[in-house]
Each structure stands twice: as C-alpha cells, then as structure tokens.
C-alpha cells in the first residue's frame, strides 16, 4: 500500500512539473499527435488555435476513463494533423469541468472553430467515437 501511494505521489509531482513546463511553451500539435494535457489556463488558447478539438475529461481513479484513454490515443494518431486531441484531469481542473457541466466521466467534448458542437458521455466503443469525430468535423 505504501509503495502504491509513493507511486501515485511521484506521478502527481511529475504531472505538476509537466503542467508548469507546458504553460511556458506555445501549444502545438505534433505530426505524431499524442493526446496532450489541457488545463484551465490554456483552454481558451487551445480551442482558439485549433479548428477541430476533442477534449477527454477524465480522472485517474475512473475505470471507464482508463478504457477510453487508449481509444482516444488511437484516434489522435488516426486524425493527426486534422484534429487536436487533449485530455483534462477533472480532479485538477474542477472549474473547467464545472464550466461545461461535466457531471459524469469519461466525457468527450468536441469543438469546431472555438464552439462546442457535441459531447459523448461514457466509455463508448472506438467506432462510435470515431463516427462522432467524422460527423462533427466533416472528415
């Protein structure tokens, strides 16, 4: 149990360091397009800079979130250069989650040219999420 807590603490500290470092750098979506973290400070900039954005609202303790995460990663690779994928930890960004009425996770929000156009709640299969991406962004 103590080892598990130490691992969680270490991971959380690294996430804080990463968030601090990423806030200093401009937001860009590389060609290999990993799913990048988003927070309250960078949210408006990211949604404004990218025409098509999918944000995965999740939490570390959420089992269904862990099932959706690899799907979101695969879709980020598939739509690299066309759609920017981000993840938002609701435990660390509660105001942002409240702003969008996130009451259940996982929750995927779809933004087209700065406007939210759709949301998906729950651990849906990859093909259903992919269909939402294609339909919402005309791809």
N, C-alpha and C. Protein backbone atom coordinates (compact mmCIF):
# COMPACT_ATOMS: atom_id res chain seq x y z
N UNK A 1 0.82 -1.19 0.00
CA UNK A 1 0.00 0.00 0.00
C UNK A 1 0.88 1.26 0.00
N UNK A 2 1.95 1.26 0.81
CA UNK A 2 2.84 2.42 0.86
C UNK A 2 3.55 2.63 -0.48
N UNK A 3 3.93 1.53 -1.14
CA UNK A 3 4.56 1.63 -2.46
C UNK A 3 3.60 2.24 -3.47
N UNK A 4 2.35 1.84 -3.38
CA UNK A 4 1.34 2.35 -4.30
C UNK A 4 1.14 3.86 -4.09
N UNK A 5 1.07 4.29 -2.84
CA UNK A 5 0.94 5.72 -2.53
C UNK A 5 2.15 6.50 -3.01
N UNK A 6 3.33 5.93 -2.84
CA UNK A 6 4.55 6.60 -3.30
C UNK A 6 4.54 6.76 -4.81
N UNK A 7 4.07 5.73 -5.53
CA UNK A 7 3.99 5.82 -6.99
C UNK A 7 3.00 6.91 -7.41
N UNK A 8 1.86 6.97 -6.73
CA UNK A 8 0.85 7.99 -7.06
C UNK A 8 1.40 9.38 -6.79
N UNK A 9 2.07 9.56 -5.66
CA UNK A 9 2.66 10.87 -5.33
C UNK A 9 3.70 11.27 -6.38
N UNK A 10 4.55 10.32 -6.74
CA UNK A 10 5.58 10.60 -7.73
C UNK A 10 4.96 10.99 -9.07
N UNK A 11 3.93 10.27 -9.47
CA UNK A 11 3.25 10.57 -10.73
C UNK A 11 2.60 11.95 -10.68
N UNK A 12 1.96 12.28 -9.59
CA UNK A 12 1.31 13.59 -9.44
C UNK A 12 2.33 14.72 -9.48
N UNK A 13 3.47 14.52 -8.85
CA UNK A 13 4.52 15.54 -8.88
C UNK A 13 5.02 15.75 -10.30
N UNK A 14 5.19 14.66 -11.05
CA UNK A 14 5.63 14.78 -12.43
C UNK A 14 4.58 15.50 -13.27
N UNK A 15 3.31 15.21 -13.04
CA UNK A 15 2.23 15.89 -13.77
C UNK A 15 2.26 17.39 -13.48
N UNK A 16 2.48 17.76 -12.23
CA UNK A 16 2.57 19.19 -11.88
C UNK A 16 3.75 19.85 -12.58
N UNK A 17 4.90 19.17 -12.59
CA UNK A 17 6.07 19.72 -13.29
C UNK A 17 5.78 19.87 -14.78
N UNK A 18 5.15 18.84 -15.37
CA UNK A 18 4.82 18.89 -16.80
C UNK A 18 3.86 20.03 -17.09
N UNK A 19 2.85 20.21 -16.24
CA UNK A 19 1.89 21.29 -16.46
C UNK A 19 2.57 22.65 -16.38
N UNK A 20 3.47 22.80 -15.41
CA UNK A 20 4.17 24.06 -15.26
C UNK A 20 5.04 24.33 -16.48
N UNK A 21 5.78 23.31 -16.93
CA UNK A 21 6.63 23.46 -18.11
C UNK A 21 5.82 23.72 -19.37
N UNK A 22 4.70 23.03 -19.53
CA UNK A 22 3.91 23.19 -20.75
C UNK A 22 3.24 24.55 -20.81
N UNK A 23 2.97 25.18 -19.68
CA UNK A 23 2.34 26.50 -19.68
C UNK A 23 3.30 27.56 -20.24
N UNK A 24 4.61 27.29 -20.20
CA UNK A 24 5.59 28.24 -20.71
C UNK A 24 5.77 28.16 -22.22
N UNK A 25 5.39 27.05 -22.81
CA UNK A 25 5.67 26.81 -24.22
C UNK A 25 4.40 27.00 -25.05
N UNK A 26 4.55 27.43 -26.31
CA UNK A 26 3.38 27.55 -27.18
C UNK A 26 2.77 26.18 -27.43
N UNK A 27 1.47 26.17 -27.64
CA UNK A 27 0.75 24.93 -27.88
C UNK A 27 0.88 24.55 -29.34
N UNK A 28 1.29 23.33 -29.60
CA UNK A 28 1.38 22.83 -30.98
C UNK A 28 0.99 21.36 -30.97
N UNK A 29 0.42 20.92 -32.06
CA UNK A 29 0.07 19.51 -32.17
C UNK A 29 1.07 18.89 -33.14
N UNK A 30 1.98 18.05 -32.62
CA UNK A 30 2.96 17.42 -33.49
C UNK A 30 2.29 16.48 -34.49
N UNK A 31 3.03 16.13 -35.53
CA UNK A 31 2.50 15.24 -36.55
C UNK A 31 2.12 13.89 -35.95
N UNK A 32 2.90 13.39 -34.99
CA UNK A 32 2.56 12.11 -34.37
C UNK A 32 1.41 12.25 -33.39
N UNK A 33 1.01 13.46 -33.07
CA UNK A 33 -0.21 13.81 -32.34
C UNK A 33 -0.53 13.00 -31.10
N UNK A 34 0.27 13.12 -30.06
CA UNK A 34 -0.15 12.49 -28.81
C UNK A 34 -1.33 13.26 -28.22
N UNK A 35 -2.03 12.63 -27.32
CA UNK A 35 -3.10 13.32 -26.59
C UNK A 35 -2.41 14.12 -25.50
N UNK A 36 -2.53 15.44 -25.59
CA UNK A 36 -1.79 16.31 -24.69
C UNK A 36 -2.68 16.82 -23.57
N UNK A 37 -2.11 17.09 -22.40
CA UNK A 37 -2.92 17.61 -21.30
C UNK A 37 -3.37 19.05 -21.57
N UNK A 38 -4.54 19.39 -21.08
CA UNK A 38 -5.07 20.74 -21.18
C UNK A 38 -5.50 21.14 -19.78
N UNK A 39 -5.35 22.41 -19.48
CA UNK A 39 -5.77 22.90 -18.17
C UNK A 39 -6.53 24.21 -18.34
N UNK A 40 -7.00 24.74 -17.24
CA UNK A 40 -7.82 25.95 -17.26
C UNK A 40 -7.09 27.14 -17.87
N UNK A 41 -5.80 27.24 -17.62
CA UNK A 41 -5.04 28.39 -18.12
C UNK A 41 -4.91 28.39 -19.63
N UNK A 42 -4.78 27.21 -20.23
CA UNK A 42 -4.50 27.12 -21.67
C UNK A 42 -5.72 26.79 -22.50
N UNK A 43 -6.85 26.53 -21.86
CA UNK A 43 -8.02 26.05 -22.58
C UNK A 43 -8.44 26.99 -23.72
N UNK A 44 -8.66 28.25 -23.43
CA UNK A 44 -9.15 29.20 -24.45
C UNK A 44 -8.17 29.30 -25.62
N UNK A 45 -6.90 29.34 -25.32
CA UNK A 45 -5.87 29.43 -26.37
C UNK A 45 -5.92 28.20 -27.28
N UNK A 46 -6.00 27.03 -26.70
CA UNK A 46 -6.00 25.79 -27.47
C UNK A 46 -7.23 25.71 -28.37
N UNK A 47 -8.39 25.99 -27.82
CA UNK A 47 -9.63 25.90 -28.60
C UNK A 47 -9.64 26.95 -29.72
N UNK A 48 -9.02 28.09 -29.46
CA UNK A 48 -8.95 29.15 -30.47
C UNK A 48 -7.94 28.81 -31.57
N UNK A 49 -6.82 28.18 -31.21
CA UNK A 49 -5.74 27.90 -32.17
C UNK A 49 -6.03 26.74 -33.11
N UNK A 50 -6.83 25.78 -32.69
CA UNK A 50 -7.06 24.58 -33.48
C UNK A 50 -8.51 24.55 -33.97
N UNK A 51 -8.71 24.35 -35.27
CA UNK A 51 -10.08 24.36 -35.79
C UNK A 51 -10.93 23.22 -35.24
N UNK A 52 -10.34 22.03 -35.06
CA UNK A 52 -11.09 20.87 -34.57
C UNK A 52 -10.38 20.31 -33.34
N UNK A 53 -11.12 20.24 -32.23
CA UNK A 53 -10.54 19.81 -30.95
C UNK A 53 -11.47 18.81 -30.28
N UNK A 54 -10.87 17.75 -29.73
CA UNK A 54 -11.59 16.81 -28.88
C UNK A 54 -10.89 16.83 -27.53
N UNK A 55 -11.67 17.03 -26.46
CA UNK A 55 -11.10 17.04 -25.11
C UNK A 55 -11.73 15.91 -24.31
N UNK A 56 -10.87 15.05 -23.77
CA UNK A 56 -11.28 13.92 -22.94
C UNK A 56 -11.21 14.37 -21.47
N UNK A 57 -12.36 14.56 -20.84
CA UNK A 57 -12.41 14.86 -19.41
C UNK A 57 -12.39 13.53 -18.67
N UNK A 58 -11.42 13.36 -17.77
CA UNK A 58 -11.17 12.09 -17.13
C UNK A 58 -10.65 12.30 -15.71
N UNK A 59 -10.46 11.20 -14.99
CA UNK A 59 -9.79 11.22 -13.68
C UNK A 59 -9.04 9.90 -13.52
N UNK A 60 -7.97 9.96 -12.79
CA UNK A 60 -7.11 8.79 -12.61
C UNK A 60 -7.83 7.62 -11.96
N UNK A 61 -8.74 7.90 -11.06
CA UNK A 61 -9.43 6.85 -10.31
C UNK A 61 -10.59 6.21 -11.10
N UNK A 62 -10.88 6.73 -12.28
CA UNK A 62 -12.06 6.32 -13.06
C UNK A 62 -11.74 5.15 -13.98
N UNK A 63 -12.32 3.98 -13.71
CA UNK A 63 -12.10 2.79 -14.53
C UNK A 63 -12.52 2.98 -15.98
N UNK A 64 -13.74 3.47 -16.25
CA UNK A 64 -14.14 3.68 -17.64
C UNK A 64 -13.22 4.67 -18.37
N UNK A 65 -12.68 5.64 -17.65
CA UNK A 65 -11.74 6.60 -18.26
C UNK A 65 -10.50 5.88 -18.76
N UNK A 66 -10.04 4.90 -17.99
CA UNK A 66 -8.85 4.14 -18.38
C UNK A 66 -9.14 3.27 -19.61
N UNK A 67 -10.40 2.88 -19.80
CA UNK A 67 -10.76 2.11 -21.00
C UNK A 67 -10.84 3.01 -22.23
N UNK A 68 -11.26 4.26 -22.05
CA UNK A 68 -11.40 5.19 -23.17
C UNK A 68 -10.06 5.78 -23.59
N UNK A 69 -9.14 5.95 -22.66
CA UNK A 69 -7.86 6.61 -22.95
C UNK A 69 -7.12 6.00 -24.15
N UNK A 70 -6.96 4.68 -24.24
CA UNK A 70 -6.25 4.13 -25.41
C UNK A 70 -7.01 4.38 -26.72
N UNK A 71 -8.32 4.41 -26.66
CA UNK A 71 -9.13 4.70 -27.85
C UNK A 71 -8.85 6.12 -28.32
N UNK A 72 -8.82 7.05 -27.38
CA UNK A 72 -8.55 8.45 -27.72
C UNK A 72 -7.15 8.58 -28.30
N UNK A 73 -6.19 7.85 -27.74
CA UNK A 73 -4.82 7.86 -28.26
C UNK A 73 -4.79 7.35 -29.71
N UNK A 74 -5.49 6.26 -29.97
CA UNK A 74 -5.52 5.71 -31.33
C UNK A 74 -6.17 6.69 -32.32
N UNK A 75 -7.25 7.33 -31.89
CA UNK A 75 -7.92 8.30 -32.77
C UNK A 75 -7.05 9.52 -33.01
N UNK A 76 -6.27 9.91 -32.00
CA UNK A 76 -5.35 11.04 -32.17
C UNK A 76 -4.33 10.72 -33.26
N UNK A 77 -3.87 9.49 -33.30
CA UNK A 77 -2.93 9.07 -34.35
C UNK A 77 -3.63 9.04 -35.71
N UNK A 78 -4.82 8.51 -35.73
CA UNK A 78 -5.56 8.38 -36.98
C UNK A 78 -5.88 9.74 -37.61
N UNK A 79 -6.23 10.71 -36.76
CA UNK A 79 -6.63 12.03 -37.26
C UNK A 79 -5.53 13.08 -37.08
N UNK A 80 -4.29 12.62 -36.94
CA UNK A 80 -3.15 13.53 -36.75
C UNK A 80 -3.10 14.57 -37.87
N UNK A 81 -2.92 15.82 -37.47
CA UNK A 81 -2.85 16.91 -38.44
C UNK A 81 -4.22 17.46 -38.83
N UNK A 82 -5.29 16.77 -38.43
CA UNK A 82 -6.64 17.22 -38.75
C UNK A 82 -7.43 17.63 -37.51
N UNK A 83 -7.27 16.83 -36.44
CA UNK A 83 -7.99 17.06 -35.19
C UNK A 83 -6.98 17.03 -34.05
N UNK A 84 -7.08 18.00 -33.16
CA UNK A 84 -6.21 18.05 -31.99
C UNK A 84 -6.94 17.39 -30.81
N UNK A 85 -6.30 16.43 -30.18
CA UNK A 85 -6.88 15.71 -29.05
C UNK A 85 -6.16 16.12 -27.76
N UNK A 86 -6.95 16.40 -26.73
CA UNK A 86 -6.41 16.79 -25.44
C UNK A 86 -7.13 16.03 -24.34
N UNK A 87 -6.51 15.98 -23.16
CA UNK A 87 -7.14 15.36 -22.00
C UNK A 87 -7.12 16.35 -20.84
N UNK A 88 -8.20 16.35 -20.09
CA UNK A 88 -8.34 17.27 -18.96
C UNK A 88 -8.67 16.48 -17.71
N UNK A 89 -7.76 16.49 -16.76
CA UNK A 89 -7.96 15.81 -15.48
C UNK A 89 -8.94 16.62 -14.65
N UNK A 90 -10.13 16.08 -14.43
CA UNK A 90 -11.18 16.83 -13.73
C UNK A 90 -10.82 17.09 -12.27
N UNK A 91 -9.99 16.24 -11.68
CA UNK A 91 -9.59 16.47 -10.28
C UNK A 91 -8.72 17.72 -10.15
N UNK A 92 -7.96 18.06 -11.19
CA UNK A 92 -7.08 19.22 -11.15
C UNK A 92 -7.67 20.44 -11.87
N UNK A 93 -8.76 20.27 -12.55
CA UNK A 93 -9.36 21.36 -13.32
C UNK A 93 -10.87 21.40 -13.08
N UNK A 94 -11.24 21.49 -11.83
CA UNK A 94 -12.65 21.42 -11.46
C UNK A 94 -13.47 22.58 -12.01
N UNK A 95 -12.89 23.77 -12.07
CA UNK A 95 -13.64 24.91 -12.62
C UNK A 95 -13.96 24.70 -14.10
N UNK A 96 -13.01 24.17 -14.84
CA UNK A 96 -13.24 23.91 -16.26
C UNK A 96 -14.32 22.84 -16.43
N UNK A 97 -14.25 21.80 -15.62
CA UNK A 97 -15.28 20.75 -15.68
C UNK A 97 -16.65 21.33 -15.33
N UNK A 98 -16.71 22.18 -14.33
CA UNK A 98 -17.98 22.81 -13.95
C UNK A 98 -18.48 23.73 -15.05
N UNK A 99 -17.58 24.45 -15.70
CA UNK A 99 -17.95 25.37 -16.78
C UNK A 99 -18.73 24.64 -17.88
N UNK A 100 -18.36 23.40 -18.15
CA UNK A 100 -19.00 22.64 -19.20
C UNK A 100 -20.01 21.61 -18.67
N UNK A 101 -20.33 21.72 -17.40
CA UNK A 101 -21.35 20.85 -16.82
C UNK A 101 -20.97 19.38 -16.84
N UNK A 102 -19.69 19.09 -16.63
CA UNK A 102 -19.24 17.70 -16.62
C UNK A 102 -19.68 17.09 -15.29
N UNK A 103 -20.64 16.19 -15.36
CA UNK A 103 -21.14 15.55 -14.14
C UNK A 103 -20.86 14.05 -14.14
N UNK A 104 -20.40 13.53 -15.27
CA UNK A 104 -20.04 12.12 -15.38
C UNK A 104 -18.83 12.02 -16.30
N UNK A 105 -17.93 11.11 -15.96
CA UNK A 105 -16.74 10.90 -16.78
C UNK A 105 -16.63 9.42 -17.11
N UNK A 106 -15.97 9.08 -18.20
CA UNK A 106 -15.34 9.98 -19.15
C UNK A 106 -16.38 10.77 -19.94
N UNK A 107 -15.95 11.95 -20.34
CA UNK A 107 -16.79 12.83 -21.16
C UNK A 107 -15.90 13.46 -22.22
N UNK A 108 -16.26 13.27 -23.47
CA UNK A 108 -15.51 13.87 -24.58
C UNK A 108 -16.29 15.05 -25.10
N UNK A 109 -15.62 16.21 -25.20
CA UNK A 109 -16.23 17.39 -25.78
C UNK A 109 -15.60 17.65 -27.13
N UNK A 110 -16.42 18.01 -28.11
CA UNK A 110 -15.98 18.27 -29.47
C UNK A 110 -16.15 19.76 -29.77
N UNK A 111 -15.08 20.42 -30.21
CA UNK A 111 -15.09 21.83 -30.53
C UNK A 111 -14.74 22.03 -31.99
N UNK A 112 -15.56 22.81 -32.68
CA UNK A 112 -15.29 23.16 -34.06
C UNK A 112 -15.19 24.68 -34.14
N UNK A 113 -14.02 25.16 -34.52
CA UNK A 113 -13.78 26.60 -34.65
C UNK A 113 -14.19 27.36 -33.39
N UNK A 114 -13.78 26.83 -32.24
CA UNK A 114 -13.99 27.50 -30.97
C UNK A 114 -15.34 27.26 -30.30
N UNK A 115 -16.25 26.58 -30.96
CA UNK A 115 -17.58 26.34 -30.40
C UNK A 115 -17.77 24.86 -30.10
N UNK A 116 -18.34 24.58 -28.92
CA UNK A 116 -18.63 23.19 -28.60
C UNK A 116 -19.79 22.73 -29.48
N UNK A 117 -19.61 21.60 -30.17
CA UNK A 117 -20.62 21.11 -31.09
C UNK A 117 -21.22 19.77 -30.66
N UNK A 118 -20.57 19.08 -29.73
CA UNK A 118 -21.10 17.77 -29.31
C UNK A 118 -20.40 17.32 -28.05
N UNK A 119 -20.98 16.31 -27.41
CA UNK A 119 -20.36 15.67 -26.25
C UNK A 119 -20.72 14.20 -26.24
N UNK A 120 -19.82 13.39 -25.72
CA UNK A 120 -20.04 11.96 -25.56
C UNK A 120 -19.75 11.64 -24.10
N UNK A 121 -20.70 11.00 -23.45
CA UNK A 121 -20.52 10.63 -22.04
C UNK A 121 -20.47 9.12 -21.95
N UNK A 122 -19.47 8.63 -21.25
CA UNK A 122 -19.34 7.19 -21.03
C UNK A 122 -18.27 6.57 -21.91
N UNK A 123 -18.02 5.30 -21.64
CA UNK A 123 -16.97 4.55 -22.34
C UNK A 123 -17.57 3.89 -23.58
N UNK A 124 -17.67 4.66 -24.64
CA UNK A 124 -18.21 4.13 -25.89
C UNK A 124 -17.12 3.39 -26.68
N UNK A 125 -17.52 2.49 -27.57
CA UNK A 125 -16.54 1.79 -28.42
C UNK A 125 -15.86 2.76 -29.38
N UNK A 126 -14.69 2.37 -29.84
CA UNK A 126 -13.88 3.21 -30.73
C UNK A 126 -14.65 3.66 -31.96
N UNK A 127 -15.37 2.75 -32.60
CA UNK A 127 -16.06 3.11 -33.84
C UNK A 127 -17.14 4.16 -33.62
N UNK A 128 -17.79 4.13 -32.46
CA UNK A 128 -18.81 5.14 -32.18
C UNK A 128 -18.17 6.52 -31.97
N UNK A 129 -17.05 6.55 -31.26
CA UNK A 129 -16.35 7.82 -31.05
C UNK A 129 -15.78 8.31 -32.38
N UNK A 130 -15.21 7.41 -33.16
CA UNK A 130 -14.67 7.78 -34.46
C UNK A 130 -15.77 8.37 -35.34
N UNK A 131 -16.95 7.78 -35.33
CA UNK A 131 -18.07 8.28 -36.13
C UNK A 131 -18.45 9.70 -35.70
N UNK A 132 -18.38 9.98 -34.41
CA UNK A 132 -18.67 11.33 -33.90
C UNK A 132 -17.63 12.33 -34.42
N UNK A 133 -16.36 11.92 -34.44
CA UNK A 133 -15.30 12.79 -34.96
C UNK A 133 -15.57 13.11 -36.42
N UNK A 134 -15.84 12.10 -37.20
CA UNK A 134 -16.07 12.28 -38.64
C UNK A 134 -17.30 13.16 -38.87
N UNK A 135 -18.38 12.88 -38.18
CA UNK A 135 -19.63 13.64 -38.37
C UNK A 135 -19.48 15.09 -37.91
N UNK A 136 -18.88 15.30 -36.76
CA UNK A 136 -18.79 16.66 -36.20
C UNK A 136 -17.83 17.55 -36.98
N UNK A 137 -16.79 16.97 -37.56
CA UNK A 137 -15.77 17.78 -38.23
C UNK A 137 -15.79 17.62 -39.75
N UNK A 138 -16.73 16.87 -40.28
CA UNK A 138 -16.85 16.73 -41.72
C UNK A 138 -15.66 16.06 -42.37
N UNK A 139 -15.06 15.11 -41.69
CA UNK A 139 -13.85 14.45 -42.21
C UNK A 139 -14.19 13.15 -42.93
